[in-house]
Amino acid sequence: MNGTRLPVPENKQRILVLGIGNILWADEGFGVRAVEEFHRRYVVADNVTILDGGTQGLYLVSYLEQADCLIVFDAIDFALPPGELKLMRDAEVPKFAGAKKISYIRPAFRRS
């Protein structure tokens, strides 16, 4: 990620397809693997950016600010049957804050 501006063709929205997750932790990097496969299978227009966000957290803010439309792939424990997909849109998105998130960023150090 180099912080460059997303390209914007005339009269088209900037779309960010973002995969997040930790490939070394419980969710096996679901979001990361999903966007990798998406990138392998599909050719996208210049106004679409496919990004492996990994566990970058706040470092992704500049990409989010530039996007007009955001599609996020991540694994969250909603206590649904294994493998069941849950699609959330618009105002539904904040509702997942109470769910058990299974992506995890391991701290680099511990405070005493």
N, C-alpha and C. Protein backbone atom coordinates (compact mmCIF):
# COMPACT_ATOMS: atom_id res chain seq x y z
N MET A 1 0.85 -1.18 0.00
CA MET A 1 0.00 0.00 0.00
C MET A 1 0.89 1.23 0.00
N ASN A 2 0.71 2.08 -0.99
CA ASN A 2 1.56 3.25 -1.07
C ASN A 2 0.82 4.56 -0.91
N GLY A 3 -0.48 4.52 -0.63
CA GLY A 3 -1.24 5.74 -0.38
C GLY A 3 -1.57 6.52 -1.64
N THR A 4 -1.38 5.95 -2.82
CA THR A 4 -1.70 6.66 -4.05
C THR A 4 -3.20 6.79 -4.20
N ARG A 5 -3.61 7.79 -4.97
CA ARG A 5 -5.03 8.07 -5.18
C ARG A 5 -5.65 7.01 -6.08
N LEU A 6 -6.87 6.58 -5.75
CA LEU A 6 -7.59 5.64 -6.59
C LEU A 6 -7.97 6.32 -7.89
N PRO A 7 -7.84 5.64 -9.04
CA PRO A 7 -8.23 6.26 -10.31
C PRO A 7 -9.75 6.43 -10.38
N VAL A 8 -10.19 7.53 -11.00
CA VAL A 8 -11.63 7.79 -11.12
C VAL A 8 -11.97 8.10 -12.57
N PRO A 9 -12.51 7.11 -13.30
CA PRO A 9 -12.98 7.41 -14.65
C PRO A 9 -14.13 8.41 -14.57
N GLU A 10 -14.32 9.18 -15.63
CA GLU A 10 -15.36 10.21 -15.66
C GLU A 10 -16.74 9.63 -15.34
N ASN A 11 -17.44 10.25 -14.43
CA ASN A 11 -18.81 9.88 -14.04
C ASN A 11 -18.94 8.48 -13.44
N LYS A 12 -17.90 7.94 -12.86
CA LYS A 12 -18.00 6.63 -12.23
C LYS A 12 -17.58 6.74 -10.77
N GLN A 13 -18.24 5.96 -9.92
CA GLN A 13 -17.88 5.93 -8.51
C GLN A 13 -16.60 5.12 -8.31
N ARG A 14 -15.83 5.50 -7.29
CA ARG A 14 -14.64 4.73 -6.91
C ARG A 14 -15.10 3.62 -5.98
N ILE A 15 -14.86 2.39 -6.38
CA ILE A 15 -15.30 1.23 -5.61
C ILE A 15 -14.08 0.54 -5.02
N LEU A 16 -14.13 0.28 -3.72
CA LEU A 16 -13.07 -0.44 -3.03
C LEU A 16 -13.61 -1.78 -2.56
N VAL A 17 -12.96 -2.86 -3.01
CA VAL A 17 -13.28 -4.20 -2.55
C VAL A 17 -12.15 -4.57 -1.59
N LEU A 18 -12.48 -4.65 -0.31
CA LEU A 18 -11.48 -4.78 0.75
C LEU A 18 -11.63 -6.11 1.48
N GLY A 19 -10.54 -6.84 1.57
CA GLY A 19 -10.52 -8.07 2.35
C GLY A 19 -9.67 -7.85 3.59
N ILE A 20 -10.23 -8.18 4.75
CA ILE A 20 -9.46 -8.02 5.98
C ILE A 20 -9.46 -9.34 6.75
N GLY A 21 -8.43 -9.52 7.55
CA GLY A 21 -8.30 -10.72 8.35
C GLY A 21 -6.84 -11.12 8.51
N ASN A 22 -6.62 -12.03 9.40
CA ASN A 22 -5.27 -12.49 9.72
C ASN A 22 -5.15 -13.94 9.28
N ILE A 23 -4.32 -14.20 8.28
CA ILE A 23 -4.19 -15.57 7.76
C ILE A 23 -3.56 -16.53 8.75
N LEU A 24 -3.02 -16.00 9.84
CA LEU A 24 -2.39 -16.84 10.86
C LEU A 24 -3.26 -17.03 12.09
N TRP A 25 -4.50 -16.56 12.05
CA TRP A 25 -5.34 -16.63 13.23
C TRP A 25 -6.62 -17.39 12.93
N ALA A 26 -7.61 -17.30 13.82
CA ALA A 26 -8.81 -18.13 13.80
C ALA A 26 -9.61 -18.08 12.50
N ASP A 27 -9.71 -16.94 11.86
CA ASP A 27 -10.54 -16.88 10.65
C ASP A 27 -9.78 -17.31 9.40
N GLU A 28 -8.50 -17.66 9.55
CA GLU A 28 -7.66 -18.09 8.43
C GLU A 28 -7.62 -17.05 7.32
N GLY A 29 -7.83 -15.79 7.67
CA GLY A 29 -7.75 -14.71 6.69
C GLY A 29 -8.85 -14.77 5.65
N PHE A 30 -10.06 -15.09 6.07
CA PHE A 30 -11.17 -15.23 5.13
C PHE A 30 -11.25 -14.06 4.15
N GLY A 31 -11.27 -12.84 4.67
CA GLY A 31 -11.41 -11.68 3.80
C GLY A 31 -10.26 -11.54 2.82
N VAL A 32 -9.06 -11.80 3.31
CA VAL A 32 -7.87 -11.73 2.46
C VAL A 32 -7.96 -12.77 1.35
N ARG A 33 -8.30 -14.00 1.71
CA ARG A 33 -8.41 -15.08 0.71
C ARG A 33 -9.55 -14.82 -0.27
N ALA A 34 -10.64 -14.21 0.21
CA ALA A 34 -11.78 -13.91 -0.67
C ALA A 34 -11.39 -12.90 -1.75
N VAL A 35 -10.68 -11.83 -1.37
CA VAL A 35 -10.30 -10.85 -2.40
C VAL A 35 -9.19 -11.37 -3.30
N GLU A 36 -8.34 -12.25 -2.79
CA GLU A 36 -7.33 -12.89 -3.66
C GLU A 36 -8.03 -13.68 -4.77
N GLU A 37 -9.02 -14.46 -4.39
CA GLU A 37 -9.75 -15.27 -5.37
C GLU A 37 -10.56 -14.39 -6.31
N PHE A 38 -11.18 -13.35 -5.79
CA PHE A 38 -11.93 -12.39 -6.61
C PHE A 38 -11.01 -11.80 -7.67
N HIS A 39 -9.82 -11.40 -7.25
CA HIS A 39 -8.84 -10.80 -8.16
C HIS A 39 -8.39 -11.80 -9.24
N ARG A 40 -8.24 -13.07 -8.87
CA ARG A 40 -7.85 -14.10 -9.84
C ARG A 40 -8.94 -14.36 -10.88
N ARG A 41 -10.19 -14.31 -10.46
CA ARG A 41 -11.30 -14.70 -11.33
C ARG A 41 -11.88 -13.60 -12.19
N TYR A 42 -11.77 -12.34 -11.75
CA TYR A 42 -12.49 -11.27 -12.43
C TYR A 42 -11.56 -10.15 -12.89
N VAL A 43 -11.90 -9.58 -14.04
CA VAL A 43 -11.26 -8.37 -14.53
C VAL A 43 -12.19 -7.23 -14.14
N VAL A 44 -11.66 -6.20 -13.52
CA VAL A 44 -12.49 -5.10 -13.05
C VAL A 44 -12.13 -3.81 -13.78
N ALA A 45 -13.07 -2.88 -13.81
CA ALA A 45 -12.84 -1.57 -14.43
C ALA A 45 -11.84 -0.76 -13.62
N ASP A 46 -11.35 0.31 -14.22
CA ASP A 46 -10.36 1.17 -13.56
C ASP A 46 -10.87 1.85 -12.30
N ASN A 47 -12.18 1.93 -12.15
CA ASN A 47 -12.72 2.59 -10.96
C ASN A 47 -12.88 1.62 -9.78
N VAL A 48 -12.44 0.38 -9.94
CA VAL A 48 -12.54 -0.63 -8.88
C VAL A 48 -11.13 -0.98 -8.40
N THR A 49 -10.93 -0.87 -7.09
CA THR A 49 -9.66 -1.26 -6.47
C THR A 49 -9.92 -2.47 -5.60
N ILE A 50 -9.12 -3.50 -5.78
CA ILE A 50 -9.20 -4.70 -4.95
C ILE A 50 -8.00 -4.65 -4.01
N LEU A 51 -8.27 -4.71 -2.70
CA LEU A 51 -7.20 -4.49 -1.73
C LEU A 51 -7.18 -5.55 -0.64
N ASP A 52 -6.03 -6.15 -0.44
CA ASP A 52 -5.78 -7.05 0.69
C ASP A 52 -5.41 -6.15 1.85
N GLY A 53 -6.37 -5.93 2.76
CA GLY A 53 -6.12 -5.05 3.90
C GLY A 53 -5.49 -5.76 5.08
N GLY A 54 -5.45 -7.10 5.03
CA GLY A 54 -4.84 -7.87 6.11
C GLY A 54 -5.30 -7.41 7.47
N THR A 55 -4.35 -7.03 8.30
CA THR A 55 -4.64 -6.53 9.65
C THR A 55 -4.15 -5.07 9.79
N GLN A 56 -4.23 -4.32 8.70
CA GLN A 56 -3.66 -2.97 8.67
C GLN A 56 -4.44 -1.94 9.48
N GLY A 57 -5.68 -2.20 9.80
CA GLY A 57 -6.45 -1.30 10.67
C GLY A 57 -6.47 0.14 10.20
N LEU A 58 -5.98 1.06 11.02
CA LEU A 58 -6.03 2.49 10.73
C LEU A 58 -5.24 2.89 9.49
N TYR A 59 -4.30 2.07 9.06
CA TYR A 59 -3.54 2.37 7.86
C TYR A 59 -4.41 2.32 6.60
N LEU A 60 -5.61 1.78 6.72
CA LEU A 60 -6.54 1.68 5.58
C LEU A 60 -7.42 2.92 5.43
N VAL A 61 -7.37 3.83 6.38
CA VAL A 61 -8.27 4.98 6.39
C VAL A 61 -8.19 5.78 5.10
N SER A 62 -7.01 6.03 4.57
CA SER A 62 -6.90 6.84 3.34
C SER A 62 -7.62 6.17 2.18
N TYR A 63 -7.57 4.84 2.11
CA TYR A 63 -8.29 4.12 1.05
C TYR A 63 -9.81 4.23 1.25
N LEU A 64 -10.25 4.15 2.48
CA LEU A 64 -11.67 4.27 2.78
C LEU A 64 -12.19 5.66 2.47
N GLU A 65 -11.40 6.68 2.77
CA GLU A 65 -11.81 8.05 2.50
C GLU A 65 -11.98 8.32 1.01
N GLN A 66 -11.20 7.66 0.19
CA GLN A 66 -11.23 7.88 -1.25
C GLN A 66 -12.36 7.12 -1.95
N ALA A 67 -12.91 6.11 -1.30
CA ALA A 67 -13.91 5.26 -1.93
C ALA A 67 -15.31 5.86 -1.83
N ASP A 68 -16.06 5.74 -2.92
CA ASP A 68 -17.47 6.13 -2.91
C ASP A 68 -18.34 4.96 -2.49
N CYS A 69 -17.87 3.76 -2.77
CA CYS A 69 -18.59 2.53 -2.45
C CYS A 69 -17.58 1.54 -1.88
N LEU A 70 -17.96 0.85 -0.82
CA LEU A 70 -17.06 -0.06 -0.14
C LEU A 70 -17.71 -1.43 0.00
N ILE A 71 -16.97 -2.46 -0.39
CA ILE A 71 -17.39 -3.85 -0.18
C ILE A 71 -16.31 -4.49 0.67
N VAL A 72 -16.69 -5.01 1.85
CA VAL A 72 -15.72 -5.59 2.79
C VAL A 72 -15.99 -7.07 2.96
N PHE A 73 -14.93 -7.87 2.87
CA PHE A 73 -14.99 -9.29 3.19
C PHE A 73 -14.23 -9.50 4.49
N ASP A 74 -14.90 -10.09 5.49
CA ASP A 74 -14.27 -10.39 6.77
C ASP A 74 -15.04 -11.52 7.41
N ALA A 75 -14.45 -12.15 8.40
CA ALA A 75 -15.11 -13.20 9.17
C ALA A 75 -15.48 -12.65 10.53
N ILE A 76 -16.76 -12.79 10.87
CA ILE A 76 -17.27 -12.33 12.16
C ILE A 76 -18.15 -13.45 12.70
N ASP A 77 -18.04 -13.72 13.98
CA ASP A 77 -18.82 -14.79 14.59
C ASP A 77 -20.21 -14.26 14.96
N PHE A 78 -21.20 -14.61 14.13
CA PHE A 78 -22.59 -14.24 14.39
C PHE A 78 -23.35 -15.41 15.02
N ALA A 79 -22.63 -16.48 15.39
CA ALA A 79 -23.24 -17.69 15.94
C ALA A 79 -24.19 -18.34 14.93
N LEU A 80 -23.86 -18.23 13.65
CA LEU A 80 -24.63 -18.87 12.59
C LEU A 80 -23.99 -20.22 12.28
N PRO A 81 -24.67 -21.08 11.53
CA PRO A 81 -24.05 -22.35 11.14
C PRO A 81 -22.75 -22.09 10.36
N PRO A 82 -21.75 -22.96 10.51
CA PRO A 82 -20.47 -22.78 9.80
C PRO A 82 -20.68 -22.60 8.30
N GLY A 83 -19.98 -21.61 7.75
CA GLY A 83 -20.02 -21.36 6.32
C GLY A 83 -21.18 -20.52 5.84
N GLU A 84 -22.10 -20.14 6.74
CA GLU A 84 -23.24 -19.34 6.32
C GLU A 84 -22.81 -17.89 6.10
N LEU A 85 -23.23 -17.33 4.99
CA LEU A 85 -22.89 -15.96 4.62
C LEU A 85 -23.93 -15.00 5.16
N LYS A 86 -23.46 -13.89 5.71
CA LYS A 86 -24.38 -12.83 6.18
C LYS A 86 -24.01 -11.57 5.43
N LEU A 87 -24.96 -11.01 4.73
CA LEU A 87 -24.76 -9.78 3.98
C LEU A 87 -25.38 -8.63 4.75
N MET A 88 -24.59 -7.58 4.97
CA MET A 88 -25.07 -6.40 5.67
C MET A 88 -24.89 -5.20 4.76
N ARG A 89 -25.86 -4.31 4.77
CA ARG A 89 -25.81 -3.12 3.92
C ARG A 89 -26.15 -1.87 4.72
N ASP A 90 -25.55 -0.78 4.31
CA ASP A 90 -25.89 0.55 4.80
C ASP A 90 -26.04 0.62 6.32
N ALA A 91 -27.22 0.93 6.83
CA ALA A 91 -27.43 1.13 8.26
C ALA A 91 -27.26 -0.15 9.07
N GLU A 92 -27.29 -1.31 8.43
CA GLU A 92 -27.11 -2.57 9.15
C GLU A 92 -25.66 -2.76 9.61
N VAL A 93 -24.72 -2.16 8.93
CA VAL A 93 -23.31 -2.40 9.20
C VAL A 93 -22.91 -2.13 10.64
N PRO A 94 -23.27 -1.02 11.28
CA PRO A 94 -22.87 -0.82 12.68
C PRO A 94 -23.41 -1.87 13.64
N LYS A 95 -24.47 -2.57 13.27
CA LYS A 95 -25.07 -3.55 14.16
C LYS A 95 -24.14 -4.71 14.50
N PHE A 96 -23.11 -4.94 13.71
CA PHE A 96 -22.24 -6.07 13.98
C PHE A 96 -21.25 -5.80 15.08
N ALA A 97 -21.19 -4.58 15.59
CA ALA A 97 -20.20 -4.22 16.61
C ALA A 97 -20.30 -5.10 17.85
N GLY A 98 -21.48 -5.61 18.15
CA GLY A 98 -21.64 -6.47 19.32
C GLY A 98 -21.30 -7.92 19.04
N ALA A 99 -21.08 -8.27 17.79
CA ALA A 99 -20.75 -9.66 17.43
C ALA A 99 -19.32 -9.96 17.85
N LYS A 100 -19.03 -11.21 17.99
CA LYS A 100 -17.68 -11.63 18.36
C LYS A 100 -16.80 -11.64 17.11
N LYS A 101 -15.88 -10.69 17.01
CA LYS A 101 -15.00 -10.60 15.86
C LYS A 101 -13.89 -11.63 16.03
N ILE A 102 -13.57 -12.36 14.95
CA ILE A 102 -12.54 -13.38 15.10
C ILE A 102 -11.25 -13.04 14.38
N SER A 103 -11.22 -11.91 13.65
CA SER A 103 -9.93 -11.43 13.16
C SER A 103 -9.20 -10.86 14.36
N TYR A 104 -7.91 -10.99 14.40
CA TYR A 104 -7.18 -10.60 15.59
C TYR A 104 -5.83 -10.05 15.20
N ILE A 105 -5.44 -8.96 15.82
CA ILE A 105 -4.10 -8.42 15.62
C ILE A 105 -3.33 -8.70 16.90
N ARG A 106 -2.29 -9.49 16.81
CA ARG A 106 -1.49 -9.83 17.96
C ARG A 106 -0.61 -8.64 18.34
N PRO A 107 -0.65 -8.18 19.59
CA PRO A 107 0.18 -7.04 19.98
C PRO A 107 1.68 -7.35 19.86
N ALA A 108 2.43 -6.34 19.45
CA ALA A 108 3.88 -6.54 19.28
C ALA A 108 4.60 -6.55 20.63
N PHE A 109 4.00 -5.96 21.65
CA PHE A 109 4.61 -5.94 22.97
C PHE A 109 3.52 -5.92 24.04
N ARG A 110 3.88 -6.19 25.26
CA ARG A 110 2.95 -6.14 26.37
C ARG A 110 3.41 -5.09 27.37
N ARG A 111 2.44 -4.39 27.91
CA ARG A 111 2.77 -3.42 28.98
C ARG A 111 2.69 -4.12 30.32
N SER A 112 3.54 -3.75 31.24
CA SER A 112 3.52 -4.36 32.57
C SER A 112 2.57 -3.64 33.47
